[in-house]
Amino acid sequence: KMIHTLLEGPGPVPEQPVLKVGEPVDWMVGGAGLADCGPRISLPALRLEFPVQAGMNNFQFTPTQAGPLDWSCETGSIHGVFQVEAKVSKPRVESNALMRM
């Protein structure tokens, strides 16, 4: 899933993209607020830190559990959250099942 986040300045980012457990994410981060971000963005629950450079940044990660997934710039001045939903499993259908009427 591709997510775009535009950092405009200090404070919380209002958008809370919805992700799925186990589905890889390509996270594009950019904007004027990067200057306030410091050298890294972290997702503490996943124990990930991404180096931040001027311009557009592309980070990849895969959520591992349902619930809010917080992220923040190293300075703490910009932060946000992803909402991670459990992966819905499809019901298993036996191929040799008989239908009764």
N, C-alpha and C. Protein backbone atom coordinates (compact mmCIF):
# COMPACT_ATOMS: atom_id res chain seq x y z
N LYS A 1 0.85 -1.17 0.00
CA LYS A 1 0.00 0.00 0.00
C LYS A 1 0.90 1.23 0.00
N MET A 2 0.54 2.22 -0.80
CA MET A 2 1.29 3.47 -0.89
C MET A 2 0.60 4.53 -0.04
N ILE A 3 1.37 5.17 0.86
CA ILE A 3 0.87 6.23 1.73
C ILE A 3 1.73 7.47 1.49
N HIS A 4 1.10 8.64 1.36
CA HIS A 4 1.81 9.91 1.21
C HIS A 4 1.52 10.77 2.43
N THR A 5 2.58 11.29 3.06
CA THR A 5 2.43 12.19 4.19
C THR A 5 3.19 13.47 3.90
N LEU A 6 2.49 14.59 3.97
CA LEU A 6 3.09 15.90 3.76
C LEU A 6 3.26 16.57 5.12
N LEU A 7 4.51 16.79 5.50
CA LEU A 7 4.81 17.43 6.78
C LEU A 7 4.84 18.93 6.57
N GLU A 8 3.90 19.63 7.20
CA GLU A 8 3.79 21.07 6.99
C GLU A 8 4.38 21.90 8.12
N GLY A 9 4.57 21.33 9.27
CA GLY A 9 5.13 22.07 10.39
C GLY A 9 4.93 21.31 11.68
N PRO A 10 5.37 21.90 12.80
CA PRO A 10 5.27 21.21 14.10
C PRO A 10 3.83 20.84 14.46
N GLY A 11 3.71 19.78 15.23
CA GLY A 11 2.41 19.34 15.72
C GLY A 11 2.01 18.00 15.14
N PRO A 12 0.82 17.54 15.53
CA PRO A 12 0.34 16.24 15.03
C PRO A 12 -0.10 16.34 13.57
N VAL A 13 0.11 15.27 12.83
CA VAL A 13 -0.39 15.17 11.46
C VAL A 13 -1.80 14.61 11.57
N PRO A 14 -2.80 15.33 11.04
CA PRO A 14 -4.20 14.90 11.25
C PRO A 14 -4.60 13.61 10.55
N GLU A 15 -4.03 13.32 9.40
CA GLU A 15 -4.42 12.11 8.67
C GLU A 15 -3.95 10.87 9.43
N GLN A 16 -4.81 9.87 9.49
CA GLN A 16 -4.49 8.59 10.13
C GLN A 16 -4.79 7.47 9.14
N PRO A 17 -3.88 7.24 8.19
CA PRO A 17 -4.13 6.21 7.18
C PRO A 17 -4.40 4.84 7.80
N VAL A 18 -5.26 4.09 7.14
CA VAL A 18 -5.61 2.74 7.60
C VAL A 18 -4.74 1.73 6.86
N LEU A 19 -4.08 0.88 7.62
CA LEU A 19 -3.21 -0.17 7.09
C LEU A 19 -3.73 -1.52 7.53
N LYS A 20 -3.19 -2.58 6.95
CA LYS A 20 -3.57 -3.95 7.31
C LYS A 20 -2.35 -4.69 7.86
N VAL A 21 -2.57 -5.49 8.88
CA VAL A 21 -1.51 -6.33 9.44
C VAL A 21 -0.94 -7.22 8.33
N GLY A 22 0.37 -7.27 8.23
CA GLY A 22 1.05 -8.16 7.29
C GLY A 22 1.16 -7.64 5.87
N GLU A 23 0.56 -6.49 5.55
CA GLU A 23 0.64 -5.94 4.20
C GLU A 23 1.73 -4.88 4.13
N PRO A 24 2.71 -5.05 3.25
CA PRO A 24 3.81 -4.08 3.14
C PRO A 24 3.32 -2.68 2.78
N VAL A 25 4.00 -1.68 3.34
CA VAL A 25 3.65 -0.28 3.13
C VAL A 25 4.84 0.45 2.52
N ASP A 26 4.58 1.24 1.48
CA ASP A 26 5.54 2.20 0.94
C ASP A 26 5.06 3.56 1.43
N TRP A 27 5.84 4.18 2.30
CA TRP A 27 5.45 5.44 2.91
C TRP A 27 6.30 6.57 2.34
N MET A 28 5.66 7.48 1.62
CA MET A 28 6.34 8.63 1.03
C MET A 28 6.14 9.82 1.97
N VAL A 29 7.25 10.42 2.42
CA VAL A 29 7.19 11.53 3.36
C VAL A 29 7.99 12.70 2.79
N GLY A 30 7.38 13.89 2.79
CA GLY A 30 8.07 15.08 2.32
C GLY A 30 7.39 16.33 2.85
N GLY A 31 7.82 17.48 2.37
CA GLY A 31 7.21 18.75 2.75
C GLY A 31 8.16 19.65 3.50
N ALA A 32 7.74 20.90 3.66
CA ALA A 32 8.55 21.91 4.32
C ALA A 32 8.85 21.56 5.78
N GLY A 33 7.99 20.79 6.42
CA GLY A 33 8.18 20.41 7.81
C GLY A 33 9.35 19.48 8.06
N LEU A 34 9.91 18.91 7.00
CA LEU A 34 11.07 18.02 7.19
C LEU A 34 12.21 18.72 7.90
N ALA A 35 12.33 20.03 7.70
CA ALA A 35 13.40 20.78 8.34
C ALA A 35 13.26 20.74 9.87
N ASP A 36 12.03 20.59 10.38
CA ASP A 36 11.78 20.53 11.82
C ASP A 36 11.87 19.11 12.36
N CYS A 37 12.11 18.16 11.49
CA CYS A 37 11.98 16.75 11.86
C CYS A 37 13.24 16.17 12.52
N GLY A 38 14.37 16.71 12.22
CA GLY A 38 15.61 16.11 12.70
C GLY A 38 16.07 15.05 11.71
N PRO A 39 17.09 14.30 12.06
CA PRO A 39 17.66 13.36 11.09
C PRO A 39 16.91 12.04 10.91
N ARG A 40 15.89 11.77 11.77
CA ARG A 40 15.22 10.47 11.68
C ARG A 40 13.73 10.57 11.99
N ILE A 41 12.98 9.61 11.39
CA ILE A 41 11.59 9.35 11.75
C ILE A 41 11.56 7.93 12.31
N SER A 42 10.83 7.75 13.40
CA SER A 42 10.80 6.41 14.00
C SER A 42 9.38 5.89 14.17
N LEU A 43 9.29 4.58 14.09
CA LEU A 43 8.08 3.82 14.42
C LEU A 43 8.49 2.92 15.58
N PRO A 44 8.37 3.41 16.83
CA PRO A 44 8.88 2.66 17.98
C PRO A 44 8.34 1.25 18.13
N ALA A 45 7.05 1.04 17.86
CA ALA A 45 6.45 -0.29 18.04
C ALA A 45 7.09 -1.33 17.13
N LEU A 46 7.60 -0.88 15.99
CA LEU A 46 8.27 -1.80 15.05
C LEU A 46 9.78 -1.76 15.20
N ARG A 47 10.25 -0.92 16.14
CA ARG A 47 11.69 -0.74 16.36
C ARG A 47 12.41 -0.32 15.09
N LEU A 48 11.78 0.63 14.36
CA LEU A 48 12.35 1.11 13.10
C LEU A 48 12.67 2.59 13.20
N GLU A 49 13.80 2.96 12.61
CA GLU A 49 14.18 4.36 12.44
C GLU A 49 14.60 4.54 10.99
N PHE A 50 14.10 5.62 10.38
CA PHE A 50 14.41 5.90 8.99
C PHE A 50 15.17 7.22 8.89
N PRO A 51 16.26 7.27 8.13
CA PRO A 51 16.97 8.53 7.94
C PRO A 51 16.16 9.48 7.07
N VAL A 52 16.13 10.75 7.46
CA VAL A 52 15.38 11.77 6.73
C VAL A 52 16.35 12.63 5.93
N GLN A 53 16.01 12.85 4.66
CA GLN A 53 16.79 13.72 3.79
C GLN A 53 15.86 14.77 3.21
N ALA A 54 16.43 15.87 2.72
CA ALA A 54 15.63 16.90 2.07
C ALA A 54 14.91 16.29 0.87
N GLY A 55 13.72 16.78 0.58
CA GLY A 55 12.95 16.25 -0.55
C GLY A 55 12.03 15.14 -0.11
N MET A 56 11.66 14.29 -1.05
CA MET A 56 10.73 13.19 -0.77
C MET A 56 11.53 11.98 -0.26
N ASN A 57 11.03 11.36 0.78
CA ASN A 57 11.64 10.18 1.37
C ASN A 57 10.71 9.00 1.19
N ASN A 58 11.26 7.82 0.93
CA ASN A 58 10.47 6.60 0.76
C ASN A 58 10.92 5.60 1.80
N PHE A 59 9.98 5.19 2.66
CA PHE A 59 10.25 4.22 3.71
C PHE A 59 9.36 3.01 3.51
N GLN A 60 9.89 1.82 3.78
CA GLN A 60 9.09 0.60 3.69
C GLN A 60 9.03 -0.07 5.05
N PHE A 61 7.83 -0.55 5.38
CA PHE A 61 7.65 -1.32 6.60
C PHE A 61 6.40 -2.18 6.46
N THR A 62 6.24 -3.13 7.37
CA THR A 62 5.08 -4.01 7.38
C THR A 62 4.51 -4.05 8.80
N PRO A 63 3.28 -3.58 9.00
CA PRO A 63 2.67 -3.64 10.33
C PRO A 63 2.52 -5.09 10.80
N THR A 64 2.76 -5.31 12.09
CA THR A 64 2.73 -6.67 12.63
C THR A 64 1.56 -6.94 13.56
N GLN A 65 0.88 -5.88 14.03
CA GLN A 65 -0.27 -6.10 14.90
C GLN A 65 -1.28 -4.99 14.74
N ALA A 66 -2.54 -5.32 15.02
CA ALA A 66 -3.64 -4.36 14.88
C ALA A 66 -3.59 -3.32 16.00
N GLY A 67 -4.13 -2.14 15.68
CA GLY A 67 -4.19 -1.06 16.66
C GLY A 67 -3.44 0.16 16.14
N PRO A 68 -3.35 1.20 16.95
CA PRO A 68 -2.64 2.40 16.53
C PRO A 68 -1.14 2.13 16.42
N LEU A 69 -0.53 2.69 15.39
CA LEU A 69 0.91 2.57 15.18
C LEU A 69 1.46 3.99 15.12
N ASP A 70 2.06 4.42 16.22
CA ASP A 70 2.57 5.78 16.33
C ASP A 70 3.89 5.95 15.60
N TRP A 71 4.08 7.16 15.08
CA TRP A 71 5.37 7.52 14.48
C TRP A 71 5.69 8.95 14.91
N SER A 72 6.98 9.29 14.89
CA SER A 72 7.37 10.65 15.22
C SER A 72 8.73 10.98 14.63
N CYS A 73 8.95 12.26 14.46
CA CYS A 73 10.26 12.75 14.08
C CYS A 73 11.15 12.67 15.31
N GLU A 74 12.45 12.62 15.08
CA GLU A 74 13.38 12.49 16.20
C GLU A 74 13.23 13.63 17.21
N THR A 75 12.94 14.82 16.74
CA THR A 75 12.78 15.97 17.63
C THR A 75 11.49 15.91 18.42
N GLY A 76 10.53 15.08 17.97
CA GLY A 76 9.23 14.99 18.62
C GLY A 76 8.28 16.10 18.22
N SER A 77 8.75 17.03 17.39
CA SER A 77 7.92 18.18 17.03
C SER A 77 6.83 17.83 16.02
N ILE A 78 7.00 16.76 15.28
CA ILE A 78 5.99 16.30 14.33
C ILE A 78 5.74 14.82 14.62
N HIS A 79 4.47 14.46 14.71
CA HIS A 79 4.14 13.07 15.03
C HIS A 79 2.78 12.73 14.45
N GLY A 80 2.51 11.43 14.36
CA GLY A 80 1.24 10.98 13.82
C GLY A 80 0.99 9.53 14.17
N VAL A 81 -0.07 9.00 13.58
CA VAL A 81 -0.46 7.63 13.87
C VAL A 81 -1.09 6.99 12.64
N PHE A 82 -0.79 5.73 12.44
CA PHE A 82 -1.47 4.90 11.45
C PHE A 82 -2.46 4.04 12.23
N GLN A 83 -3.60 3.74 11.63
CA GLN A 83 -4.56 2.81 12.22
C GLN A 83 -4.40 1.47 11.50
N VAL A 84 -3.99 0.45 12.23
CA VAL A 84 -3.73 -0.85 11.63
C VAL A 84 -4.87 -1.80 11.97
N GLU A 85 -5.46 -2.37 10.92
CA GLU A 85 -6.56 -3.31 11.09
C GLU A 85 -6.05 -4.74 10.94
N ALA A 86 -6.71 -5.64 11.64
CA ALA A 86 -6.37 -7.06 11.53
C ALA A 86 -6.66 -7.54 10.11
N LYS A 87 -5.86 -8.45 9.65
CA LYS A 87 -6.08 -9.03 8.33
C LYS A 87 -7.26 -9.98 8.43
N VAL A 88 -8.21 -9.79 7.55
CA VAL A 88 -9.41 -10.64 7.55
C VAL A 88 -9.09 -11.92 6.80
N SER A 89 -9.27 -13.05 7.48
CA SER A 89 -9.01 -14.32 6.80
C SER A 89 -10.28 -14.80 6.13
N LYS A 90 -10.11 -15.38 4.97
CA LYS A 90 -11.26 -15.90 4.23
C LYS A 90 -11.64 -17.25 4.81
N PRO A 91 -12.94 -17.53 4.89
CA PRO A 91 -13.35 -18.83 5.41
C PRO A 91 -12.87 -19.95 4.50
N ARG A 92 -12.45 -21.01 5.13
CA ARG A 92 -11.95 -22.15 4.37
C ARG A 92 -13.12 -23.01 3.92
N VAL A 93 -13.11 -23.34 2.65
CA VAL A 93 -14.18 -24.16 2.09
C VAL A 93 -13.58 -25.49 1.64
N GLU A 94 -14.14 -26.54 2.14
CA GLU A 94 -13.68 -27.86 1.74
C GLU A 94 -14.16 -28.15 0.32
N SER A 95 -13.27 -28.58 -0.53
CA SER A 95 -13.63 -28.80 -1.94
C SER A 95 -14.52 -30.03 -2.12
N ASN A 96 -14.47 -30.94 -1.17
CA ASN A 96 -15.30 -32.14 -1.32
C ASN A 96 -16.54 -32.09 -0.43
N ALA A 97 -16.89 -30.90 0.03
CA ALA A 97 -18.09 -30.75 0.87
C ALA A 97 -19.35 -31.02 0.05
N LEU A 98 -20.32 -31.67 0.67
CA LEU A 98 -21.59 -31.93 0.01
C LEU A 98 -22.62 -30.92 0.45
N MET A 99 -23.41 -30.49 -0.49
CA MET A 99 -24.50 -29.58 -0.16
C MET A 99 -25.76 -30.41 0.08
N ARG A 100 -26.48 -30.08 1.14
CA ARG A 100 -27.71 -30.79 1.45
C ARG A 100 -28.89 -29.86 1.24
N MET A 101 -29.93 -30.39 0.73
CA MET A 101 -31.14 -29.60 0.49
C MET A 101 -32.23 -30.07 1.39
